[in-house]
Full PDB file with SEQRES, HELIX, SHEET, SSBOND, CRYST1, ORIGX, SCALE, CONECT and MASTER records, all heavy atoms in Angstrom:
SEQRES   1 A   32  ARG HIS ASN ASP MET GLU HIS LEU ARG PHE LEU LEU SER          
SEQRES   2 A   32  LYS TYR ARG ASP LYS ARG ARG LYS LEU ILE VAL THR ASP          
SEQRES   3 A   32  ALA VAL PHE SER MET ASP                                      
HELIX    1 AA1 MET A    5  LYS A   14  1                                  10    
CRYST1    1.000    1.000    1.000  90.00  90.00  90.00 P 1           1          
ORIGX1      1.000000  0.000000  0.000000        0.00000                         
ORIGX2      0.000000  1.000000  0.000000        0.00000                         
ORIGX3      0.000000  0.000000  1.000000        0.00000                         
SCALE1      1.000000  0.000000  0.000000        0.00000                         
SCALE2      0.000000  1.000000  0.000000        0.00000                         
SCALE3      0.000000  0.000000  1.000000        0.00000                         
ATOM      1  N   ARG A   1    -138.104  20.083-266.605  1.00  0.00           N  
ATOM      2  CA  ARG A   1    -137.661  21.439-267.046  1.00  0.00           C  
ATOM      3  C   ARG A   1    -136.259  21.340-267.615  1.00  0.00           C  
ATOM      4  O   ARG A   1    -135.428  20.453-267.113  1.00  0.00           O  
ATOM      5  CB  ARG A   1    -137.748  22.414-265.883  1.00  0.00           C  
ATOM      6  CG  ARG A   1    -139.154  22.770-265.435  1.00  0.00           C  
ATOM      7  CD  ARG A   1    -139.148  23.850-264.389  1.00  0.00           C  
ATOM      8  NE  ARG A   1    -138.648  23.371-263.108  1.00  0.00           N  
ATOM      9  CZ  ARG A   1    -139.355  22.828-262.158  1.00  0.00           C  
ATOM     10  NH1 ARG A   1    -140.643  22.667-262.382  1.00  0.00           N  
ATOM     11  NH2 ARG A   1    -138.822  22.439-260.985  1.00  0.00           N  
ATOM     12  N   HIS A   2    -135.999  22.194-268.575  1.00  0.00           N  
ATOM     13  CA  HIS A   2    -134.816  22.039-269.335  1.00  0.00           C  
ATOM     14  C   HIS A   2    -133.532  21.914-268.466  1.00  0.00           C  
ATOM     15  O   HIS A   2    -133.199  22.959-267.668  1.00  0.00           O  
ATOM     16  CB  HIS A   2    -134.689  23.214-270.354  1.00  0.00           C  
ATOM     17  CG  HIS A   2    -133.416  23.210-271.051  1.00  0.00           C  
ATOM     18  ND1 HIS A   2    -133.025  22.135-271.838  1.00  0.00           N  
ATOM     19  CD2 HIS A   2    -132.436  24.172-271.330  1.00  0.00           C  
ATOM     20  CE1 HIS A   2    -131.821  22.390-272.477  1.00  0.00           C  
ATOM     21  NE2 HIS A   2    -131.473  23.637-272.130  1.00  0.00           N  
ATOM     22  N   ASN A   3    -132.814  20.902-268.563  1.00  0.00           N  
ATOM     23  CA  ASN A   3    -131.603  20.640-267.865  1.00  0.00           C  
ATOM     24  C   ASN A   3    -131.720  20.770-266.331  1.00  0.00           C  
ATOM     25  O   ASN A   3    -130.755  20.988-265.659  1.00  0.00           O  
ATOM     26  CB  ASN A   3    -130.582  21.597-268.359  1.00  0.00           C  
ATOM     27  CG  ASN A   3    -129.824  20.997-269.682  1.00  0.00           C  
ATOM     28  OD1 ASN A   3    -130.093  19.918-270.070  1.00  0.00           O  
ATOM     29  ND2 ASN A   3    -129.054  21.875-270.325  1.00  0.00           N  
ATOM     30  N   ASP A   4    -132.959  20.594-265.823  1.00  0.00           N  
ATOM     31  CA  ASP A   4    -133.181  20.729-264.438  1.00  0.00           C  
ATOM     32  C   ASP A   4    -133.180  19.397-263.725  1.00  0.00           C  
ATOM     33  O   ASP A   4    -134.127  18.586-263.786  1.00  0.00           O  
ATOM     34  CB  ASP A   4    -134.574  21.479-264.141  1.00  0.00           C  
ATOM     35  CG  ASP A   4    -134.830  21.806-262.779  1.00  0.00           C  
ATOM     36  OD1 ASP A   4    -134.190  21.164-261.789  1.00  0.00           O  
ATOM     37  OD2 ASP A   4    -135.630  22.744-262.514  1.00  0.00           O  
ATOM     38  N   MET A   5    -132.039  19.020-263.178  1.00  0.00           N  
ATOM     39  CA  MET A   5    -131.845  17.692-262.608  1.00  0.00           C  
ATOM     40  C   MET A   5    -132.570  17.501-261.312  1.00  0.00           C  
ATOM     41  O   MET A   5    -132.998  16.409-261.028  1.00  0.00           O  
ATOM     42  CB  MET A   5    -130.374  17.322-262.356  1.00  0.00           C  
ATOM     43  CG  MET A   5    -129.537  17.438-263.690  1.00  0.00           C  
ATOM     44  SD  MET A   5    -130.023  15.981-264.777  1.00  0.00           S  
ATOM     45  CE  MET A   5    -131.088  16.970-265.921  1.00  0.00           C  
ATOM     46  N   GLU A   6    -132.895  18.506-260.570  1.00  0.00           N  
ATOM     47  CA  GLU A   6    -133.708  18.343-259.452  1.00  0.00           C  
ATOM     48  C   GLU A   6    -135.223  17.957-259.852  1.00  0.00           C  
ATOM     49  O   GLU A   6    -135.833  17.294-259.125  1.00  0.00           O  
ATOM     50  CB  GLU A   6    -133.687  19.658-258.505  1.00  0.00           C  
ATOM     51  CG  GLU A   6    -132.362  19.766-257.751  1.00  0.00           C  
ATOM     52  CD  GLU A   6    -131.969  18.607-257.023  1.00  0.00           C  
ATOM     53  OE1 GLU A   6    -132.891  18.034-256.176  1.00  0.00           O  
ATOM     54  OE2 GLU A   6    -130.893  18.139-257.081  1.00  0.00           O  
ATOM     55  N   HIS A   7    -135.662  18.692-260.810  1.00  0.00           N  
ATOM     56  CA  HIS A   7    -137.037  18.402-261.368  1.00  0.00           C  
ATOM     57  C   HIS A   7    -137.125  16.985-261.888  1.00  0.00           C  
ATOM     58  O   HIS A   7    -138.041  16.202-261.589  1.00  0.00           O  
ATOM     59  CB  HIS A   7    -137.369  19.351-262.381  1.00  0.00           C  
ATOM     60  CG  HIS A   7    -138.890  19.236-262.751  1.00  0.00           C  
ATOM     61  ND1 HIS A   7    -139.311  19.410-264.086  1.00  0.00           N  
ATOM     62  CD2 HIS A   7    -139.964  18.935-262.030  1.00  0.00           C  
ATOM     63  CE1 HIS A   7    -140.614  19.232-264.115  1.00  0.00           C  
ATOM     64  NE2 HIS A   7    -141.063  18.966-262.854  1.00  0.00           N  
ATOM     65  N   LEU A   8    -136.021  16.528-262.580  1.00  0.00           N  
ATOM     66  CA  LEU A   8    -135.968  15.203-263.066  1.00  0.00           C  
ATOM     67  C   LEU A   8    -135.968  14.158-261.921  1.00  0.00           C  
ATOM     68  O   LEU A   8    -136.679  13.108-261.944  1.00  0.00           O  
ATOM     69  CB  LEU A   8    -134.694  14.969-264.019  1.00  0.00           C  
ATOM     70  CG  LEU A   8    -134.558  13.491-264.388  1.00  0.00           C  
ATOM     71  CD1 LEU A   8    -135.669  12.993-265.172  1.00  0.00           C  
ATOM     72  CD2 LEU A   8    -133.211  13.479-265.292  1.00  0.00           C  
ATOM     73  N   ARG A   9    -135.162  14.452-260.903  1.00  0.00           N  
ATOM     74  CA  ARG A   9    -135.103  13.604-259.704  1.00  0.00           C  
ATOM     75  C   ARG A   9    -136.501  13.467-259.065  1.00  0.00           C  
ATOM     76  O   ARG A   9    -137.001  12.331-258.600  1.00  0.00           O  
ATOM     77  CB  ARG A   9    -134.079  14.125-258.610  1.00  0.00           C  
ATOM     78  CG  ARG A   9    -134.003  13.349-257.478  1.00  0.00           C  
ATOM     79  CD  ARG A   9    -133.040  13.965-256.398  1.00  0.00           C  
ATOM     80  NE  ARG A   9    -131.654  13.899-256.871  1.00  0.00           N  
ATOM     81  CZ  ARG A   9    -130.900  12.914-256.752  1.00  0.00           C  
ATOM     82  NH1 ARG A   9    -131.316  11.740-256.178  1.00  0.00           N  
ATOM     83  NH2 ARG A   9    -129.679  12.975-257.230  1.00  0.00           N  
ATOM     84  N   PHE A  10    -137.226  14.589-258.954  1.00  0.00           N  
ATOM     85  CA  PHE A  10    -138.563  14.562-258.453  1.00  0.00           C  
ATOM     86  C   PHE A  10    -139.456  13.555-259.202  1.00  0.00           C  
ATOM     87  O   PHE A  10    -140.277  12.880-258.744  1.00  0.00           O  
ATOM     88  CB  PHE A  10    -139.074  16.028-258.393  1.00  0.00           C  
ATOM     89  CG  PHE A  10    -140.639  16.046-258.162  1.00  0.00           C  
ATOM     90  CD1 PHE A  10    -141.142  15.899-256.812  1.00  0.00           C  
ATOM     91  CD2 PHE A  10    -141.539  16.267-259.224  1.00  0.00           C  
ATOM     92  CE1 PHE A  10    -142.507  15.908-256.616  1.00  0.00           C  
ATOM     93  CE2 PHE A  10    -142.903  16.285-258.938  1.00  0.00           C  
ATOM     94  CZ  PHE A  10    -143.430  16.133-257.697  1.00  0.00           C  
ATOM     95  N   LEU A  11    -139.424  13.757-260.491  1.00  0.00           N  
ATOM     96  CA  LEU A  11    -140.229  12.869-261.405  1.00  0.00           C  
ATOM     97  C   LEU A  11    -139.888  11.476-261.416  1.00  0.00           C  
ATOM     98  O   LEU A  11    -140.722  10.585-261.316  1.00  0.00           O  
ATOM     99  CB  LEU A  11    -140.179  13.464-262.867  1.00  0.00           C  
ATOM    100  CG  LEU A  11    -140.873  14.814-263.130  1.00  0.00           C  
ATOM    101  CD1 LEU A  11    -140.539  15.329-264.534  1.00  0.00           C  
ATOM    102  CD2 LEU A  11    -142.285  14.810-262.858  1.00  0.00           C  
ATOM    103  N   LEU A  12    -138.581  11.126-261.308  1.00  0.00           N  
ATOM    104  CA  LEU A  12    -138.056   9.832-261.181  1.00  0.00           C  
ATOM    105  C   LEU A  12    -138.626   9.269-259.930  1.00  0.00           C  
ATOM    106  O   LEU A  12    -138.999   7.938-259.876  1.00  0.00           O  
ATOM    107  CB  LEU A  12    -136.635   9.699-261.209  1.00  0.00           C  
ATOM    108  CG  LEU A  12    -135.978   9.880-262.635  1.00  0.00           C  
ATOM    109  CD1 LEU A  12    -134.531  10.264-262.516  1.00  0.00           C  
ATOM    110  CD2 LEU A  12    -136.171   8.620-263.471  1.00  0.00           C  
ATOM    111  N   SER A  13    -138.602  10.001-258.787  1.00  0.00           N  
ATOM    112  CA  SER A  13    -139.130   9.490-257.568  1.00  0.00           C  
ATOM    113  C   SER A  13    -140.589   9.204-257.648  1.00  0.00           C  
ATOM    114  O   SER A  13    -141.117   8.256-257.063  1.00  0.00           O  
ATOM    115  CB  SER A  13    -138.776  10.478-256.409  1.00  0.00           C  
ATOM    116  OG  SER A  13    -139.210  10.024-255.177  1.00  0.00           O  
ATOM    117  N   LYS A  14    -141.301  10.179-258.288  1.00  0.00           N  
ATOM    118  CA  LYS A  14    -142.750  10.028-258.325  1.00  0.00           C  
ATOM    119  C   LYS A  14    -143.155   8.768-259.133  1.00  0.00           C  
ATOM    120  O   LYS A  14    -144.249   8.168-258.805  1.00  0.00           O  
ATOM    121  CB  LYS A  14    -143.294  11.339-259.082  1.00  0.00           C  
ATOM    122  CG  LYS A  14    -144.746  11.403-259.372  1.00  0.00           C  
ATOM    123  CD  LYS A  14    -145.308  12.604-260.078  1.00  0.00           C  
ATOM    124  CE  LYS A  14    -146.734  12.651-260.325  1.00  0.00           C  
ATOM    125  NZ  LYS A  14    -147.094  13.795-261.046  1.00  0.00           N  
ATOM    126  N   TYR A  15    -142.451   8.403-260.225  1.00  0.00           N  
ATOM    127  CA  TYR A  15    -142.815   7.335-261.023  1.00  0.00           C  
ATOM    128  C   TYR A  15    -141.877   6.103-260.746  1.00  0.00           C  
ATOM    129  O   TYR A  15    -141.695   5.282-261.630  1.00  0.00           O  
ATOM    130  CB  TYR A  15    -142.784   7.726-262.411  1.00  0.00           C  
ATOM    131  CG  TYR A  15    -143.733   8.744-262.954  1.00  0.00           C  
ATOM    132  CD1 TYR A  15    -143.341  10.138-262.989  1.00  0.00           C  
ATOM    133  CD2 TYR A  15    -145.074   8.332-263.177  1.00  0.00           C  
ATOM    134  CE1 TYR A  15    -144.343  10.987-263.341  1.00  0.00           C  
ATOM    135  CE2 TYR A  15    -145.941   9.287-263.497  1.00  0.00           C  
ATOM    136  CZ  TYR A  15    -145.658  10.578-263.703  1.00  0.00           C  
ATOM    137  OH  TYR A  15    -146.546  11.553-264.059  1.00  0.00           O  
ATOM    138  N   ARG A  16    -141.324   6.036-259.601  1.00  0.00           N  
ATOM    139  CA  ARG A  16    -140.242   5.012-259.386  1.00  0.00           C  
ATOM    140  C   ARG A  16    -140.831   3.599-259.468  1.00  0.00           C  
ATOM    141  O   ARG A  16    -140.048   2.624-259.798  1.00  0.00           O  
ATOM    142  CB  ARG A  16    -139.622   5.225-258.073  1.00  0.00           C  
ATOM    143  CG  ARG A  16    -140.446   5.038-256.883  1.00  0.00           C  
ATOM    144  CD  ARG A  16    -139.610   5.419-255.543  1.00  0.00           C  
ATOM    145  NE  ARG A  16    -138.338   4.919-255.576  1.00  0.00           N  
ATOM    146  CZ  ARG A  16    -137.239   5.613-255.073  1.00  0.00           C  
ATOM    147  NH1 ARG A  16    -137.422   6.666-254.395  1.00  0.00           N  
ATOM    148  NH2 ARG A  16    -136.097   5.131-255.053  1.00  0.00           N  
ATOM    149  N   ASP A  17    -142.128   3.462-259.379  1.00  0.00           N  
ATOM    150  CA  ASP A  17    -142.659   2.050-259.305  1.00  0.00           C  
ATOM    151  C   ASP A  17    -143.173   1.672-260.750  1.00  0.00           C  
ATOM    152  O   ASP A  17    -143.653   0.543-260.943  1.00  0.00           O  
ATOM    153  CB  ASP A  17    -143.959   2.030-258.361  1.00  0.00           C  
ATOM    154  CG  ASP A  17    -143.435   2.232-256.973  1.00  0.00           C  
ATOM    155  OD1 ASP A  17    -142.307   1.745-256.653  1.00  0.00           O  
ATOM    156  OD2 ASP A  17    -144.286   2.652-256.108  1.00  0.00           O  
ATOM    157  N   LYS A  18    -142.956   2.524-261.721  1.00  0.00           N  
ATOM    158  CA  LYS A  18    -143.347   2.126-263.146  1.00  0.00           C  
ATOM    159  C   LYS A  18    -142.418   0.922-263.539  1.00  0.00           C  
ATOM    160  O   LYS A  18    -141.266   0.744-263.098  1.00  0.00           O  
ATOM    161  CB  LYS A  18    -143.153   3.223-264.064  1.00  0.00           C  
ATOM    162  CG  LYS A  18    -144.101   4.389-263.921  1.00  0.00           C  
ATOM    163  CD  LYS A  18    -145.385   4.038-264.586  1.00  0.00           C  
ATOM    164  CE  LYS A  18    -146.412   5.175-264.536  1.00  0.00           C  
ATOM    165  NZ  LYS A  18    -147.702   4.756-265.181  1.00  0.00           N  
ATOM    166  N   ARG A  19    -142.959   0.026-264.451  1.00  0.00           N  
ATOM    167  CA  ARG A  19    -142.242  -1.012-264.900  1.00  0.00           C  
ATOM    168  C   ARG A  19    -140.982  -0.737-265.568  1.00  0.00           C  
ATOM    169  O   ARG A  19    -139.854  -1.138-265.183  1.00  0.00           O  
ATOM    170  CB  ARG A  19    -143.098  -1.871-265.847  1.00  0.00           C  
ATOM    171  CG  ARG A  19    -142.478  -3.131-266.337  1.00  0.00           C  
ATOM    172  CD  ARG A  19    -143.441  -3.890-267.328  1.00  0.00           C  
ATOM    173  NE  ARG A  19    -143.769  -2.927-268.343  1.00  0.00           N  
ATOM    174  CZ  ARG A  19    -144.643  -3.273-269.348  1.00  0.00           C  
ATOM    175  NH1 ARG A  19    -145.146  -4.414-269.378  1.00  0.00           N  
ATOM    176  NH2 ARG A  19    -144.972  -2.358-270.270  1.00  0.00           N  
ATOM    177  N   ARG A  20    -140.983   0.121-266.695  1.00  0.00           N  
ATOM    178  CA  ARG A  20    -139.816   0.534-267.319  1.00  0.00           C  
ATOM    179  C   ARG A  20    -139.744   2.046-267.315  1.00  0.00           C  
ATOM    180  O   ARG A  20    -140.716   2.674-267.597  1.00  0.00           O  
ATOM    181  CB  ARG A  20    -139.804  -0.015-268.757  1.00  0.00           C  
ATOM    182  CG  ARG A  20    -139.787  -1.543-268.956  1.00  0.00           C  
ATOM    183  CD  ARG A  20    -139.695  -1.956-270.345  1.00  0.00           C  
ATOM    184  NE  ARG A  20    -140.100  -3.283-270.490  1.00  0.00           N  
ATOM    185  CZ  ARG A  20    -140.680  -3.874-271.663  1.00  0.00           C  
ATOM    186  NH1 ARG A  20    -141.115  -3.123-272.651  1.00  0.00           N  
ATOM    187  NH2 ARG A  20    -140.889  -5.149-271.646  1.00  0.00           N  
ATOM    188  N   LYS A  21    -138.477   2.552-267.102  1.00  0.00           N  
ATOM    189  CA  LYS A  21    -138.270   3.892-267.089  1.00  0.00           C  
ATOM    190  C   LYS A  21    -137.189   4.359-268.069  1.00  0.00           C  
ATOM    191  O   LYS A  21    -136.057   3.672-268.021  1.00  0.00           O  
ATOM    192  CB  LYS A  21    -137.870   4.366-265.766  1.00  0.00           C  
ATOM    193  CG  LYS A  21    -138.974   4.147-264.618  1.00  0.00           C  
ATOM    194  CD  LYS A  21    -138.532   4.590-263.236  1.00  0.00           C  
ATOM    195  CE  LYS A  21    -137.572   3.497-262.661  1.00  0.00           C  
ATOM    196  NZ  LYS A  21    -138.226   2.135-262.374  1.00  0.00           N  
ATOM    197  N   LEU A  22    -137.493   5.286-268.946  1.00  0.00           N  
ATOM    198  CA  LEU A  22    -136.514   5.529-270.004  1.00  0.00           C  
ATOM    199  C   LEU A  22    -136.260   7.212-269.894  1.00  0.00           C  
ATOM    200  O   LEU A  22    -137.214   7.938-270.074  1.00  0.00           O  
ATOM    201  CB  LEU A  22    -137.006   5.269-271.454  1.00  0.00           C  
ATOM    202  CG  LEU A  22    -136.266   5.798-272.609  1.00  0.00           C  
ATOM    203  CD1 LEU A  22    -134.900   5.126-272.608  1.00  0.00           C  
ATOM    204  CD2 LEU A  22    -137.054   5.518-273.922  1.00  0.00           C  
ATOM    205  N   ILE A  23    -135.029   7.507-269.767  1.00  0.00           N  
ATOM    206  CA  ILE A  23    -134.573   8.913-269.757  1.00  0.00           C  
ATOM    207  C   ILE A  23    -134.055   9.203-271.197  1.00  0.00           C  
ATOM    208  O   ILE A  23    -133.172   8.493-271.719  1.00  0.00           O  
ATOM    209  CB  ILE A  23    -133.499   9.279-268.664  1.00  0.00           C  
ATOM    210  CG1 ILE A  23    -134.001   8.932-267.314  1.00  0.00           C  
ATOM    211  CG2 ILE A  23    -133.067  10.785-268.845  1.00  0.00           C  
ATOM    212  CD1 ILE A  23    -132.912   9.006-266.249  1.00  0.00           C  
ATOM    213  N   VAL A  24    -134.581  10.275-271.776  1.00  0.00           N  
ATOM    214  CA  VAL A  24    -134.125  10.669-273.189  1.00  0.00           C  
ATOM    215  C   VAL A  24    -133.801  12.090-273.138  1.00  0.00           C  
ATOM    216  O   VAL A  24    -134.412  12.947-272.700  1.00  0.00           O  
ATOM    217  CB  VAL A  24    -135.282  10.351-274.247  1.00  0.00           C  
ATOM    218  CG1 VAL A  24    -134.650  10.578-275.610  1.00  0.00           C  
ATOM    219  CG2 VAL A  24    -135.873   9.026-274.095  1.00  0.00           C  
ATOM    220  N   THR A  25    -132.598  12.376-273.793  1.00  0.00           N  
ATOM    221  CA  THR A  25    -132.153  13.737-273.931  1.00  0.00           C  
ATOM    222  C   THR A  25    -131.358  13.988-275.247  1.00  0.00           C  
ATOM    223  O   THR A  25    -130.699  13.077-275.702  1.00  0.00           O  
ATOM    224  CB  THR A  25    -131.276  14.167-272.772  1.00  0.00           C  
ATOM    225  OG1 THR A  25    -131.031  15.568-272.838  1.00  0.00           O  
ATOM    226  CG2 THR A  25    -129.940  13.379-272.764  1.00  0.00           C  
ATOM    227  N   ASP A  26    -131.437  15.158-275.799  1.00  0.00           N  
ATOM    228  CA  ASP A  26    -130.515  15.614-276.742  1.00  0.00           C  
ATOM    229  C   ASP A  26    -129.214  15.793-276.160  1.00  0.00           C  
ATOM    230  O   ASP A  26    -129.051  16.215-274.975  1.00  0.00           O  
ATOM    231  CB  ASP A  26    -130.975  16.950-277.397  1.00  0.00           C  
ATOM    232  CG  ASP A  26    -132.194  16.794-278.307  1.00  0.00           C  
ATOM    233  OD1 ASP A  26    -132.584  15.643-278.648  1.00  0.00           O  
ATOM    234  OD2 ASP A  26    -132.729  17.798-278.729  1.00  0.00           O  
ATOM    235  N   ALA A  27    -128.121  15.538-276.756  1.00  0.00           N  
ATOM    236  CA  ALA A  27    -126.814  15.880-276.314  1.00  0.00           C  
ATOM    237  C   ALA A  27    -126.537  17.369-276.335  1.00  0.00           C  
ATOM    238  O   ALA A  27    -126.140  18.079-275.354  1.00  0.00           O  
ATOM    239  CB  ALA A  27    -125.748  15.134-277.050  1.00  0.00           C  
ATOM    240  N   VAL A  28    -126.699  17.910-277.617  1.00  0.00           N  
ATOM    241  CA  VAL A  28    -126.713  19.310-277.820  1.00  0.00           C  
ATOM    242  C   VAL A  28    -128.154  19.698-278.337  1.00  0.00           C  
ATOM    243  O   VAL A  28    -128.691  19.089-279.342  1.00  0.00           O  
ATOM    244  CB  VAL A  28    -125.626  19.722-278.855  1.00  0.00           C  
ATOM    245  CG1 VAL A  28    -125.818  21.200-279.298  1.00  0.00           C  
ATOM    246  CG2 VAL A  28    -124.284  19.533-278.243  1.00  0.00           C  
ATOM    247  N   PHE A  29    -128.716  20.701-277.671  1.00  0.00           N  
ATOM    248  CA  PHE A  29    -130.068  21.057-278.030  1.00  0.00           C  
ATOM    249  C   PHE A  29    -130.136  21.870-279.387  1.00  0.00           C  
ATOM    250  O   PHE A  29    -129.450  22.845-279.467  1.00  0.00           O  
ATOM    251  CB  PHE A  29    -130.698  21.744-276.860  1.00  0.00           C  
ATOM    252  CG  PHE A  29    -130.958  20.791-275.703  1.00  0.00           C  
ATOM    253  CD1 PHE A  29    -129.941  20.667-274.799  1.00  0.00           C  
ATOM    254  CD2 PHE A  29    -132.027  19.973-275.673  1.00  0.00           C  
ATOM    255  CE1 PHE A  29    -130.152  19.722-273.730  1.00  0.00           C  
ATOM    256  CE2 PHE A  29    -132.304  19.062-274.578  1.00  0.00           C  
ATOM    257  CZ  PHE A  29    -131.259  18.999-273.596  1.00  0.00           C  
ATOM    258  N   SER A  30    -131.004  21.471-280.287  1.00  0.00           N  
ATOM    259  CA  SER A  30    -131.048  21.855-281.685  1.00  0.00           C  
ATOM    260  C   SER A  30    -131.280  23.475-281.829  1.00  0.00           C  
ATOM    261  O   SER A  30    -130.872  24.033-282.762  1.00  0.00           O  
ATOM    262  CB  SER A  30    -131.871  21.107-282.555  1.00  0.00           C  
ATOM    263  OG  SER A  30    -133.232  21.206-282.094  1.00  0.00           O  
ATOM    264  N   MET A  31    -132.084  24.057-280.890  1.00  0.00           N  
ATOM    265  CA  MET A  31    -132.475  25.407-281.046  1.00  0.00           C  
ATOM    266  C   MET A  31    -131.691  26.398-280.123  1.00  0.00           C  
ATOM    267  O   MET A  31    -131.727  27.619-280.399  1.00  0.00           O  
ATOM    268  CB  MET A  31    -134.047  25.634-280.812  1.00  0.00           C  
ATOM    269  CG  MET A  31    -134.776  24.918-281.830  1.00  0.00           C  
ATOM    270  SD  MET A  31    -134.440  25.613-283.529  1.00  0.00           S  
ATOM    271  CE  MET A  31    -134.100  24.189-284.542  1.00  0.00           C  
ATOM    272  N   ASP A  32    -131.041  25.842-279.143  1.00  0.00           N  
ATOM    273  CA  ASP A  32    -130.300  26.669-278.195  1.00  0.00           C  
ATOM    274  C   ASP A  32    -128.775  26.502-278.274  1.00  0.00           C  
ATOM    275  O   ASP A  32    -128.061  27.401-277.891  1.00  0.00           O  
ATOM    276  CB  ASP A  32    -130.842  26.481-276.734  1.00  0.00           C  
ATOM    277  CG  ASP A  32    -132.123  26.972-276.614  1.00  0.00           C  
ATOM    278  OD1 ASP A  32    -133.121  26.302-276.963  1.00  0.00           O  
ATOM    279  OD2 ASP A  32    -132.322  28.115-275.945  1.00  0.00           O  
TER     280      ASP A  32                                                      
MASTER        0    0    0    1    0    0    0    6  279    1    0    3          
END                                                                             
Protein backbone atom coordinates (compact mmCIF):
# COMPACT_ATOMS: atom_id res chain seq x y z
CA ARG A 1 0.00 0.00 0.00
CA HIS A 2 1.19 3.47 -0.93
CA ASN A 3 3.99 4.57 1.43
CA ASP A 4 2.77 2.02 4.01
CA MET A 5 5.97 0.77 5.62
CA GLU A 6 4.17 -1.64 7.96
CA HIS A 7 2.56 -3.34 4.98
CA LEU A 8 5.95 -3.50 3.25
CA ARG A 9 7.48 -5.01 6.38
CA PHE A 10 4.75 -7.65 6.43
CA LEU A 11 5.43 -8.56 2.80
CA LEU A 12 9.20 -8.62 3.30
CA SER A 13 8.72 -11.01 6.19
CA LYS A 14 6.33 -13.15 4.15
CA TYR A 15 8.82 -13.49 1.30
CA ARG A 16 11.99 -13.40 3.35
CA ASP A 17 13.18 -16.77 1.99
CA LYS A 18 13.09 -15.68 -1.64
CA ARG A 19 16.46 -15.78 -3.40
CA ARG A 20 16.57 -12.14 -4.47
CA LYS A 21 14.44 -9.32 -3.11
CA LEU A 22 14.15 -5.94 -4.83
CA ILE A 23 12.36 -2.92 -3.36
CA VAL A 24 11.42 -0.33 -6.00
CA THR A 25 9.88 3.08 -5.45
CA ASP A 26 9.38 6.40 -7.15
CA ALA A 27 11.11 9.18 -5.21
CA VAL A 28 8.32 11.63 -6.08
CA PHE A 29 5.11 10.02 -7.29
CA SER A 30 4.10 11.28 -10.71
CA MET A 31 0.35 11.66 -10.17
CA ASP A 32 0.24 12.78 -6.53
